[in-house]
Each structure stands twice: as structure tokens, then as C-alpha cells.
């Protein structure tokens, strides 16, 4: 059983705002017991930082490459970092 915990900072580019990307990401995060946050950027991109078991975070990153129905993801940048355990839940940050 996987026990390695990781952290990933992710920036998603494309048609990713106004199509329930953040709300669906919260559902995907819950499915994989992922904690962290997600928000829209003024540039039209979506940014998130997530933590959890490596397999779950990898699944979340894979999902980010497609997004929800209606999304047109052009690019996903992922920066892997050391797990910190600072998050208690997954939250959507609204402007």
C-alpha cells in the first residue's frame, strides 16, 4: 500500500475558467483524500497546491490535463515539493 506523501504546485492554462474547473477539482480531490487549495488567476489560468498520497496526487495531476467537460486544457505545469501537512481540507479560494 502506498504511504509516500507528496506536494504539488500546479498551474493550468487554457479554457479553464467559467466551466466548473475549481468545483470539479474539489470533487476529484475528495475522491483521492487530497488537501490543499485552488483558485482562478487574473491571467485566465487556474493555480492549485495539493498534498496527499503520491498515487492520489498523481491521479489529480492527470485529471488536470483534461479538466471537466467544457475545458480545453493547453498546458499543465507541475512543481513537485516536499510534503508539509499544513492543509486540513481542500478549499476553493474565491477572489
PDB file of N, CA and C in Angstrom:
ATOM      1  N   UNK A   1       0.840  -1.191   0.000  1.00  0.00           N
ATOM      2  CA  UNK A   1       0.000   0.000   0.000  1.00  0.00           C
ATOM      3  C   UNK A   1       0.882   1.251   0.000  1.00  0.00           C
ATOM      4  N   UNK A   2       0.509   2.211  -0.817  1.00  0.00           N
ATOM      5  CA  UNK A   2       1.257   3.471  -0.957  1.00  0.00           C
ATOM      6  C   UNK A   2       1.184   4.274   0.341  1.00  0.00           C
ATOM      7  N   UNK A   3       2.337   4.726   0.826  1.00  0.00           N
ATOM      8  CA  UNK A   3       2.367   5.556   2.034  1.00  0.00           C
ATOM      9  C   UNK A   3       3.155   6.851   1.830  1.00  0.00           C
ATOM     10  N   UNK A   4       3.770   7.010   0.658  1.00  0.00           N
ATOM     11  CA  UNK A   4       4.549   8.209   0.379  1.00  0.00           C
ATOM     12  C   UNK A   4       3.614   9.390   0.156  1.00  0.00           C
ATOM     13  N   UNK A   5       3.870  10.476   0.886  1.00  0.00           N
ATOM     14  CA  UNK A   5       3.063  11.686   0.737  1.00  0.00           C
ATOM     15  C   UNK A   5       3.868  12.738  -0.023  1.00  0.00           C
ATOM     16  N   UNK A   6       3.175  13.479  -0.903  1.00  0.00           N
ATOM     17  CA  UNK A   6       3.833  14.479  -1.736  1.00  0.00           C
ATOM     18  C   UNK A   6       3.008  15.762  -1.780  1.00  0.00           C
ATOM     19  N   UNK A   7       3.646  16.788  -2.319  1.00  0.00           N
ATOM     20  CA  UNK A   7       3.008  18.088  -2.526  1.00  0.00           C
ATOM     21  C   UNK A   7       3.282  18.494  -3.963  1.00  0.00           C
ATOM     22  N   UNK A   8       2.280  19.082  -4.607  1.00  0.00           N
ATOM     23  CA  UNK A   8       2.450  19.564  -5.972  1.00  0.00           C
ATOM     24  C   UNK A   8       1.821  20.943  -6.107  1.00  0.00           C
ATOM     25  N   UNK A   9       2.561  21.861  -6.713  1.00  0.00           N
ATOM     26  CA  UNK A   9       2.024  23.171  -7.090  1.00  0.00           C
ATOM     27  C   UNK A   9       1.767  23.100  -8.582  1.00  0.00           C
ATOM     28  N   UNK A  10       0.534  23.441  -8.993  1.00  0.00           N
ATOM     29  CA  UNK A  10       0.097  23.216 -10.362  1.00  0.00           C
ATOM     30  C   UNK A  10      -0.491  24.506 -10.934  1.00  0.00           C
ATOM     31  N   UNK A  11      -0.151  24.809 -12.191  1.00  0.00           N
ATOM     32  CA  UNK A  11      -0.764  25.916 -12.914  1.00  0.00           C
ATOM     33  C   UNK A  11      -1.304  25.351 -14.226  1.00  0.00           C
ATOM     34  N   UNK A  12      -2.613  25.553 -14.453  1.00  0.00           N
ATOM     35  CA  UNK A  12      -3.282  25.014 -15.624  1.00  0.00           C
ATOM     36  C   UNK A  12      -3.650  26.166 -16.553  1.00  0.00           C
ATOM     37  N   UNK A  13      -3.294  26.028 -17.829  1.00  0.00           N
ATOM     38  CA  UNK A  13      -3.538  27.048 -18.834  1.00  0.00           C
ATOM     39  C   UNK A  13      -4.505  26.510 -19.879  1.00  0.00           C
ATOM     40  N   UNK A  14      -5.332  27.409 -20.404  1.00  0.00           N
ATOM     41  CA  UNK A  14      -6.286  27.054 -21.452  1.00  0.00           C
ATOM     42  C   UNK A  14      -7.644  27.631 -21.108  1.00  0.00           C
ATOM     43  N   UNK A  15      -8.704  27.028 -21.649  1.00  0.00           N
ATOM     44  CA  UNK A  15     -10.062  27.418 -21.286  1.00  0.00           C
ATOM     45  C   UNK A  15     -10.396  26.666 -20.004  1.00  0.00           C
ATOM     46  N   UNK A  16     -10.074  27.284 -18.875  1.00  0.00           N
ATOM     47  CA  UNK A  16     -10.193  26.597 -17.585  1.00  0.00           C
ATOM     48  C   UNK A  16     -10.956  27.415 -16.540  1.00  0.00           C
ATOM     49  N   UNK A  17     -11.505  28.553 -16.951  1.00  0.00           N
ATOM     50  CA  UNK A  17     -12.316  29.350 -16.040  1.00  0.00           C
ATOM     51  C   UNK A  17     -13.732  29.442 -16.594  1.00  0.00           C
ATOM     52  N   UNK A  18     -14.700  29.451 -15.676  1.00  0.00           N
ATOM     53  CA  UNK A  18     -16.095  29.568 -16.083  1.00  0.00           C
ATOM     54  C   UNK A  18     -16.709  28.258 -16.544  1.00  0.00           C
ATOM     55  N   UNK A  19     -16.050  27.126 -16.271  1.00  0.00           N
ATOM     56  CA  UNK A  19     -16.557  25.831 -16.706  1.00  0.00           C
ATOM     57  C   UNK A  19     -16.532  24.819 -15.554  1.00  0.00           C
ATOM     58  N   UNK A  20     -16.604  25.318 -14.324  1.00  0.00           N
ATOM     59  CA  UNK A  20     -16.638  24.487 -13.114  1.00  0.00           C
ATOM     60  C   UNK A  20     -15.348  23.708 -12.874  1.00  0.00           C
ATOM     61  N   UNK A  21     -14.222  24.255 -13.326  1.00  0.00           N
ATOM     62  CA  UNK A  21     -12.939  23.588 -13.110  1.00  0.00           C
ATOM     63  C   UNK A  21     -12.660  23.452 -11.621  1.00  0.00           C
ATOM     64  N   UNK A  22     -12.809  24.556 -10.874  1.00  0.00           N
ATOM     65  CA  UNK A  22     -12.483  24.522  -9.442  1.00  0.00           C
ATOM     66  C   UNK A  22     -13.430  23.610  -8.665  1.00  0.00           C
ATOM     67  N   UNK A  23     -14.721  23.687  -8.958  1.00  0.00           N
ATOM     68  CA  UNK A  23     -15.702  22.854  -8.249  1.00  0.00           C
ATOM     69  C   UNK A  23     -15.457  21.368  -8.519  1.00  0.00           C
ATOM     70  N   UNK A  24     -15.166  21.039  -9.773  1.00  0.00           N
ATOM     71  CA  UNK A  24     -14.902  19.645 -10.116  1.00  0.00           C
ATOM     72  C   UNK A  24     -13.581  19.185  -9.504  1.00  0.00           C
ATOM     73  N   UNK A  25     -12.592  20.061  -9.471  1.00  0.00           N
ATOM     74  CA  UNK A  25     -11.312  19.724  -8.843  1.00  0.00           C
ATOM     75  C   UNK A  25     -11.518  19.383  -7.371  1.00  0.00           C
ATOM     76  N   UNK A  26     -12.416  20.097  -6.711  1.00  0.00           N
ATOM     77  CA  UNK A  26     -12.697  19.809  -5.301  1.00  0.00           C
ATOM     78  C   UNK A  26     -13.281  18.406  -5.158  1.00  0.00           C
ATOM     79  N   UNK A  27     -14.149  18.002  -6.081  1.00  0.00           N
ATOM     80  CA  UNK A  27     -14.722  16.653  -6.058  1.00  0.00           C
ATOM     81  C   UNK A  27     -13.633  15.591  -6.287  1.00  0.00           C
ATOM     82  N   UNK A  28     -12.754  15.855  -7.257  1.00  0.00           N
ATOM     83  CA  UNK A  28     -11.661  14.920  -7.554  1.00  0.00           C
ATOM     84  C   UNK A  28     -10.732  14.813  -6.344  1.00  0.00           C
ATOM     85  N   UNK A  29     -10.446  15.950  -5.720  1.00  0.00           N
ATOM     86  CA  UNK A  29      -9.582  15.956  -4.531  1.00  0.00           C
ATOM     87  C   UNK A  29     -10.207  15.112  -3.416  1.00  0.00           C
ATOM     88  N   UNK A  30     -11.507  15.252  -3.212  1.00  0.00           N
ATOM     89  CA  UNK A  30     -12.185  14.479  -2.164  1.00  0.00           C
ATOM     90  C   UNK A  30     -12.098  12.984  -2.452  1.00  0.00           C
ATOM     91  N   UNK A  31     -12.233  12.615  -3.718  1.00  0.00           N
ATOM     92  CA  UNK A  31     -12.146  11.205  -4.119  1.00  0.00           C
ATOM     93  C   UNK A  31     -10.799  10.595  -3.737  1.00  0.00           C
ATOM     94  N   UNK A  32      -9.737  11.414  -3.776  1.00  0.00           N
ATOM     95  CA  UNK A  32      -8.381  10.917  -3.515  1.00  0.00           C
ATOM     96  C   UNK A  32      -7.818  11.383  -2.171  1.00  0.00           C
ATOM     97  N   UNK A  33      -8.687  11.911  -1.299  1.00  0.00           N
ATOM     98  CA  UNK A  33      -8.271  12.387   0.034  1.00  0.00           C
ATOM     99  C   UNK A  33      -7.144  13.411  -0.053  1.00  0.00           C
ATOM    100  N   UNK A  34      -7.263  14.307  -1.018  1.00  0.00           N
ATOM    101  CA  UNK A  34      -6.247  15.341  -1.238  1.00  0.00           C
ATOM    102  C   UNK A  34      -6.649  16.616  -0.508  1.00  0.00           C
ATOM    103  N   UNK A  35      -5.677  17.254   0.098  1.00  0.00           N
ATOM    104  CA  UNK A  35      -5.872  18.529   0.797  1.00  0.00           C
ATOM    105  C   UNK A  35      -5.142  19.621   0.026  1.00  0.00           C
ATOM    106  N   UNK A  36      -5.589  20.880   0.213  1.00  0.00           N
ATOM    107  CA  UNK A  36      -4.913  21.996  -0.443  1.00  0.00           C
ATOM    108  C   UNK A  36      -5.891  23.071  -0.845  1.00  0.00           C
ATOM    109  N   UNK A  37      -5.590  23.747  -1.947  1.00  0.00           N
ATOM    110  CA  UNK A  37      -6.434  24.842  -2.405  1.00  0.00           C
ATOM    111  C   UNK A  37      -6.351  24.989  -3.925  1.00  0.00           C
ATOM    112  N   UNK A  38      -7.341  25.716  -4.482  1.00  0.00           N
ATOM    113  CA  UNK A  38      -7.370  26.013  -5.910  1.00  0.00           C
ATOM    114  C   UNK A  38      -7.992  27.385  -6.092  1.00  0.00           C
ATOM    115  N   UNK A  39      -7.490  28.135  -7.078  1.00  0.00           N
ATOM    116  CA  UNK A  39      -8.044  29.472  -7.340  1.00  0.00           C
ATOM    117  C   UNK A  39      -7.840  29.846  -8.796  1.00  0.00           C
ATOM    118  N   UNK A  40      -8.689  30.771  -9.256  1.00  0.00           N
ATOM    119  CA  UNK A  40      -8.515  31.367 -10.576  1.00  0.00           C
ATOM    120  C   UNK A  40      -7.470  32.466 -10.472  1.00  0.00           C
ATOM    121  N   UNK A  41      -6.691  32.628 -11.532  1.00  0.00           N
ATOM    122  CA  UNK A  41      -5.734  33.733 -11.620  1.00  0.00           C
ATOM    123  C   UNK A  41      -6.281  34.785 -12.580  1.00  0.00           C
ATOM    124  N   UNK A  42      -5.865  36.018 -12.415  1.00  0.00           N
ATOM    125  CA  UNK A  42      -6.336  37.106 -13.280  1.00  0.00           C
ATOM    126  C   UNK A  42      -5.890  36.920 -14.725  1.00  0.00           C
ATOM    127  N   UNK A  43      -4.936  36.046 -14.958  1.00  0.00           N
ATOM    128  CA  UNK A  43      -4.414  35.776 -16.306  1.00  0.00           C
ATOM    129  C   UNK A  43      -5.277  34.777 -17.074  1.00  0.00           C
ATOM    130  N   UNK A  44      -6.327  34.238 -16.421  1.00  0.00           N
ATOM    131  CA  UNK A  44      -7.169  33.236 -17.059  1.00  0.00           C
ATOM    132  C   UNK A  44      -6.746  31.809 -16.756  1.00  0.00           C
ATOM    133  N   UNK A  45      -5.671  31.662 -16.022  1.00  0.00           N
ATOM    134  CA  UNK A  45      -5.199  30.327 -15.638  1.00  0.00           C
ATOM    135  C   UNK A  45      -5.802  29.931 -14.294  1.00  0.00           C
ATOM    136  N   UNK A  46      -5.612  28.677 -13.916  1.00  0.00           N
ATOM    137  CA  UNK A  46      -6.020  28.170 -12.608  1.00  0.00           C
ATOM    138  C   UNK A  46      -4.763  27.671 -11.909  1.00  0.00           C
ATOM    139  N   UNK A  47      -4.650  27.981 -10.615  1.00  0.00           N
ATOM    140  CA  UNK A  47      -3.498  27.563  -9.825  1.00  0.00           C
ATOM    141  C   UNK A  47      -3.983  26.756  -8.625  1.00  0.00           C
ATOM    142  N   UNK A  48      -3.239  25.736  -8.267  1.00  0.00           N
ATOM    143  CA  UNK A  48      -3.571  24.981  -7.060  1.00  0.00           C
ATOM    144  C   UNK A  48      -2.314  24.399  -6.441  1.00  0.00           C
ATOM    145  N   UNK A  49      -2.413  24.152  -5.154  1.00  0.00           N
ATOM    146  CA  UNK A  49      -1.379  23.435  -4.422  1.00  0.00           C
ATOM    147  C   UNK A  49      -2.088  22.318  -3.687  1.00  0.00           C
ATOM    148  N   UNK A  50      -1.606  21.104  -3.879  1.00  0.00           N
ATOM    149  CA  UNK A  50      -2.262  19.936  -3.301  1.00  0.00           C
ATOM    150  C   UNK A  50      -1.255  19.044  -2.589  1.00  0.00           C
ATOM    151  N   UNK A  51      -1.757  18.338  -1.581  1.00  0.00           N
ATOM    152  CA  UNK A  51      -0.949  17.376  -0.850  1.00  0.00           C
ATOM    153  C   UNK A  51      -1.757  16.115  -0.607  1.00  0.00           C
ATOM    154  N   UNK A  52      -1.046  15.011  -0.528  1.00  0.00           N
ATOM    155  CA  UNK A  52      -1.688  13.747  -0.216  1.00  0.00           C
ATOM    156  C   UNK A  52      -0.777  12.596  -0.577  1.00  0.00           C
ATOM    157  N   UNK A  53      -1.363  11.398  -0.594  1.00  0.00           N
ATOM    158  CA  UNK A  53      -0.595  10.233  -1.005  1.00  0.00           C
ATOM    159  C   UNK A  53      -0.172  10.398  -2.457  1.00  0.00           C
ATOM    160  N   UNK A  54       1.023   9.948  -2.771  1.00  0.00           N
ATOM    161  CA  UNK A  54       1.595  10.131  -4.105  1.00  0.00           C
ATOM    162  C   UNK A  54       0.655   9.646  -5.208  1.00  0.00           C
ATOM    163  N   UNK A  55       0.059   8.483  -5.031  1.00  0.00           N
ATOM    164  CA  UNK A  55      -0.822   7.943  -6.077  1.00  0.00           C
ATOM    165  C   UNK A  55      -2.034   8.844  -6.300  1.00  0.00           C
ATOM    166  N   UNK A  56      -2.614   9.366  -5.227  1.00  0.00           N
ATOM    167  CA  UNK A  56      -3.767  10.258  -5.343  1.00  0.00           C
ATOM    168  C   UNK A  56      -3.412  11.572  -6.001  1.00  0.00           C
ATOM    169  N   UNK A  57      -2.278  12.149  -5.616  1.00  0.00           N
ATOM    170  CA  UNK A  57      -1.845  13.417  -6.217  1.00  0.00           C
ATOM    171  C   UNK A  57      -1.524  13.211  -7.693  1.00  0.00           C
ATOM    172  N   UNK A  58      -0.910  12.090  -8.035  1.00  0.00           N
ATOM    173  CA  UNK A  58      -0.635  11.810  -9.449  1.00  0.00           C
ATOM    174  C   UNK A  58      -1.939  11.691 -10.245  1.00  0.00           C
ATOM    175  N   UNK A  59      -2.965  11.073  -9.673  1.00  0.00           N
ATOM    176  CA  UNK A  59      -4.268  10.986 -10.338  1.00  0.00           C
ATOM    177  C   UNK A  59      -4.872  12.373 -10.513  1.00  0.00           C
ATOM    178  N   UNK A  60      -4.749  13.227  -9.502  1.00  0.00           N
ATOM    179  CA  UNK A  60      -5.256  14.594  -9.576  1.00  0.00           C
ATOM    180  C   UNK A  60      -4.549  15.355 -10.702  1.00  0.00           C
ATOM    181  N   UNK A  61      -3.240  15.214 -10.788  1.00  0.00           N
ATOM    182  CA  UNK A  61      -2.469  15.879 -11.847  1.00  0.00           C
ATOM    183  C   UNK A  61      -2.912  15.376 -13.220  1.00  0.00           C
ATOM    184  N   UNK A  62      -3.136  14.066 -13.352  1.00  0.00           N
ATOM    185  CA  UNK A  62      -3.623  13.517 -14.623  1.00  0.00           C
ATOM    186  C   UNK A  62      -4.967  14.137 -14.997  1.00  0.00           C
ATOM    187  N   UNK A  63      -5.848  14.265 -14.000  1.00  0.00           N
ATOM    188  CA  UNK A  63      -7.155  14.881 -14.250  1.00  0.00           C
ATOM    189  C   UNK A  63      -6.990  16.327 -14.717  1.00  0.00           C
ATOM    190  N   UNK A  64      -6.036  17.055 -14.137  1.00  0.00           N
ATOM    191  CA  UNK A  64      -5.805  18.461 -14.518  1.00  0.00           C
ATOM    192  C   UNK A  64      -5.488  18.604 -16.002  1.00  0.00           C
ATOM    193  N   UNK A  65      -4.911  17.578 -16.613  1.00  0.00           N
ATOM    194  CA  UNK A  65      -4.588  17.633 -18.041  1.00  0.00           C
ATOM    195  C   UNK A  65      -5.830  17.588 -18.926  1.00  0.00           C
ATOM    196  N   UNK A  66      -6.957  17.155 -18.383  1.00  0.00           N
ATOM    197  CA  UNK A  66      -8.193  17.144 -19.165  1.00  0.00           C
ATOM    198  C   UNK A  66      -9.227  18.098 -18.588  1.00  0.00           C
ATOM    199  N   UNK A  67      -9.315  18.170 -17.255  1.00  0.00           N
ATOM    200  CA  UNK A  67     -10.291  19.028 -16.609  1.00  0.00           C
ATOM    201  C   UNK A  67     -11.699  18.498 -16.782  1.00  0.00           C
ATOM    202  N   UNK A  68     -12.693  19.301 -16.384  1.00  0.00           N
ATOM    203  CA  UNK A  68     -14.083  18.880 -16.511  1.00  0.00           C
ATOM    204  C   UNK A  68     -14.585  19.048 -17.948  1.00  0.00           C
ATOM    205  N   UNK A  69     -15.776  18.547 -18.195  1.00  0.00           N
ATOM    206  CA  UNK A  69     -16.397  18.721 -19.507  1.00  0.00           C
ATOM    207  C   UNK A  69     -16.462  20.219 -19.810  1.00  0.00           C
ATOM    208  N   UNK A  70     -16.097  20.596 -21.009  1.00  0.00           N
ATOM    209  CA  UNK A  70     -16.099  22.001 -21.398  1.00  0.00           C
ATOM    210  C   UNK A  70     -14.733  22.662 -21.303  1.00  0.00           C
ATOM    211  N   UNK A  71     -13.796  22.026 -20.616  1.00  0.00           N
ATOM    212  CA  UNK A  71     -12.450  22.589 -20.503  1.00  0.00           C
ATOM    213  C   UNK A  71     -11.649  22.294 -21.767  1.00  0.00           C
ATOM    214  N   UNK A  72     -10.705  23.169 -22.062  1.00  0.00           N
ATOM    215  CA  UNK A  72      -9.753  22.958 -23.151  1.00  0.00           C
ATOM    216  C   UNK A  72      -8.371  23.275 -22.584  1.00  0.00           C
ATOM    217  N   UNK A  73      -7.797  22.292 -21.908  1.00  0.00           N
ATOM    218  CA  UNK A  73      -6.503  22.477 -21.247  1.00  0.00           C
ATOM    219  C   UNK A  73      -5.400  22.490 -22.294  1.00  0.00           C
ATOM    220  N   UNK A  74      -4.585  23.543 -22.251  1.00  0.00           N
ATOM    221  CA  UNK A  74      -3.460  23.660 -23.193  1.00  0.00           C
ATOM    222  C   UNK A  74      -2.135  23.260 -22.557  1.00  0.00           C
ATOM    223  N   UNK A  75      -1.996  23.531 -21.249  1.00  0.00           N
ATOM    224  CA  UNK A  75      -0.723  23.247 -20.597  1.00  0.00           C
ATOM    225  C   UNK A  75      -0.940  23.057 -19.101  1.00  0.00           C
ATOM    226  N   UNK A  76      -0.156  22.187 -18.517  1.00  0.00           N
ATOM    227  CA  UNK A  76      -0.169  21.966 -17.070  1.00  0.00           C
ATOM    228  C   UNK A  76       1.278  21.958 -16.600  1.00  0.00           C
ATOM    229  N   UNK A  77       1.606  22.901 -15.752  1.00  0.00           N
ATOM    230  CA  UNK A  77       2.945  22.961 -15.157  1.00  0.00           C
ATOM    231  C   UNK A  77       2.844  22.437 -13.728  1.00  0.00           C
ATOM    232  N   UNK A  78       3.683  21.486 -13.397  1.00  0.00           N
ATOM    233  CA  UNK A  78       3.676  20.880 -12.069  1.00  0.00           C
ATOM    234  C   UNK A  78       5.052  21.034 -11.441  1.00  0.00           C
ATOM    235  N   UNK A  79       5.070  21.538 -10.233  1.00  0.00           N
ATOM    236  CA  UNK A  79       6.308  21.629  -9.467  1.00  0.00           C
ATOM    237  C   UNK A  79       6.134  20.753  -8.230  1.00  0.00           C
ATOM    238  N   UNK A  80       6.914  19.683  -8.158  1.00  0.00           N
ATOM    239  CA  UNK A  80       6.846  18.755  -7.024  1.00  0.00           C
ATOM    240  C   UNK A  80       7.658  19.326  -5.874  1.00  0.00           C
ATOM    241  N   UNK A  81       7.069  19.276  -4.689  1.00  0.00           N
ATOM    242  CA  UNK A  81       7.711  19.828  -3.500  1.00  0.00           C
ATOM    243  C   UNK A  81       7.611  18.825  -2.359  1.00  0.00           C
ATOM    244  N   UNK A  82       8.246  19.153  -1.251  1.00  0.00           N
ATOM    245  CA  UNK A  82       8.203  18.285  -0.085  1.00  0.00           C
ATOM    246  C   UNK A  82       6.858  18.445   0.631  1.00  0.00           C
ATOM    247  N   UNK A  83       6.274  17.340   1.026  1.00  0.00           N
ATOM    248  CA  UNK A  83       5.010  17.329   1.763  1.00  0.00           C
ATOM    249  C   UNK A  83       5.177  18.088   3.075  1.00  0.00           C
ATOM    250  N   UNK A  84       4.189  18.923   3.412  1.00  0.00           N
ATOM    251  CA  UNK A  84       4.272  19.692   4.657  1.00  0.00           C
ATOM    252  C   UNK A  84       3.176  19.342   5.656  1.00  0.00           C
ATOM    253  N   UNK A  85       2.044  18.849   5.173  1.00  0.00           N
ATOM    254  CA  UNK A  85       0.937  18.519   6.065  1.00  0.00           C
ATOM    255  C   UNK A  85       0.204  19.724   6.615  1.00  0.00           C
ATOM    256  N   UNK A  86       0.378  20.884   5.972  1.00  0.00           N
ATOM    257  CA  UNK A  86      -0.220  22.114   6.506  1.00  0.00           C
ATOM    258  C   UNK A  86      -1.717  22.250   6.244  1.00  0.00           C
ATOM    259  N   UNK A  87      -2.268  21.496   5.298  1.00  0.00           N
ATOM    260  CA  UNK A  87      -3.667  21.659   4.922  1.00  0.00           C
ATOM    261  C   UNK A  87      -4.561  20.671   5.669  1.00  0.00           C
ATOM    262  N   UNK A  88      -5.734  21.147   6.077  1.00  0.00           N
ATOM    263  CA  UNK A  88      -6.703  20.308   6.782  1.00  0.00           C
ATOM    264  C   UNK A  88      -7.830  19.845   5.852  1.00  0.00           C
ATOM    265  N   UNK A  89      -7.995  20.560   4.718  1.00  0.00           N
ATOM    266  CA  UNK A  89      -9.055  20.263   3.765  1.00  0.00           C
ATOM    267  C   UNK A  89      -8.672  20.814   2.404  1.00  0.00           C
ATOM    268  N   UNK A  90      -9.528  20.594   1.418  1.00  0.00           N
ATOM    269  CA  UNK A  90      -9.318  21.170   0.089  1.00  0.00           C
ATOM    270  C   UNK A  90     -10.330  22.299  -0.058  1.00  0.00           C
ATOM    271  N   UNK A  91      -9.841  23.500  -0.351  1.00  0.00           N
ATOM    272  CA  UNK A  91     -10.733  24.659  -0.435  1.00  0.00           C
ATOM    273  C   UNK A  91     -10.599  25.356  -1.790  1.00  0.00           C
ATOM    274  N   UNK A  92     -11.719  25.934  -2.214  1.00  0.00           N
ATOM    275  CA  UNK A  92     -11.742  26.783  -3.393  1.00  0.00           C
ATOM    276  C   UNK A  92     -11.582  28.206  -2.888  1.00  0.00           C
ATOM    277  N   UNK A  93     -10.579  28.907  -3.395  1.00  0.00           N
ATOM    278  CA  UNK A  93     -10.357  30.304  -2.997  1.00  0.00           C
ATOM    279  C   UNK A  93     -11.038  31.180  -4.041  1.00  0.00           C
ATOM    280  N   UNK A  94     -11.932  32.022  -3.553  1.00  0.00           N
ATOM    281  CA  UNK A  94     -12.658  32.937  -4.434  1.00  0.00           C
ATOM    282  C   UNK A  94     -12.029  34.317  -4.318  1.00  0.00           C
ATOM    283  N   UNK A  95     -12.006  35.066  -5.435  1.00  0.00           N
ATOM    284  CA  UNK A  95     -11.381  36.404  -5.396  1.00  0.00           C
ATOM    285  C   UNK A  95     -12.104  37.361  -4.465  1.00  0.00           C
TER     286      UNK A  95
END
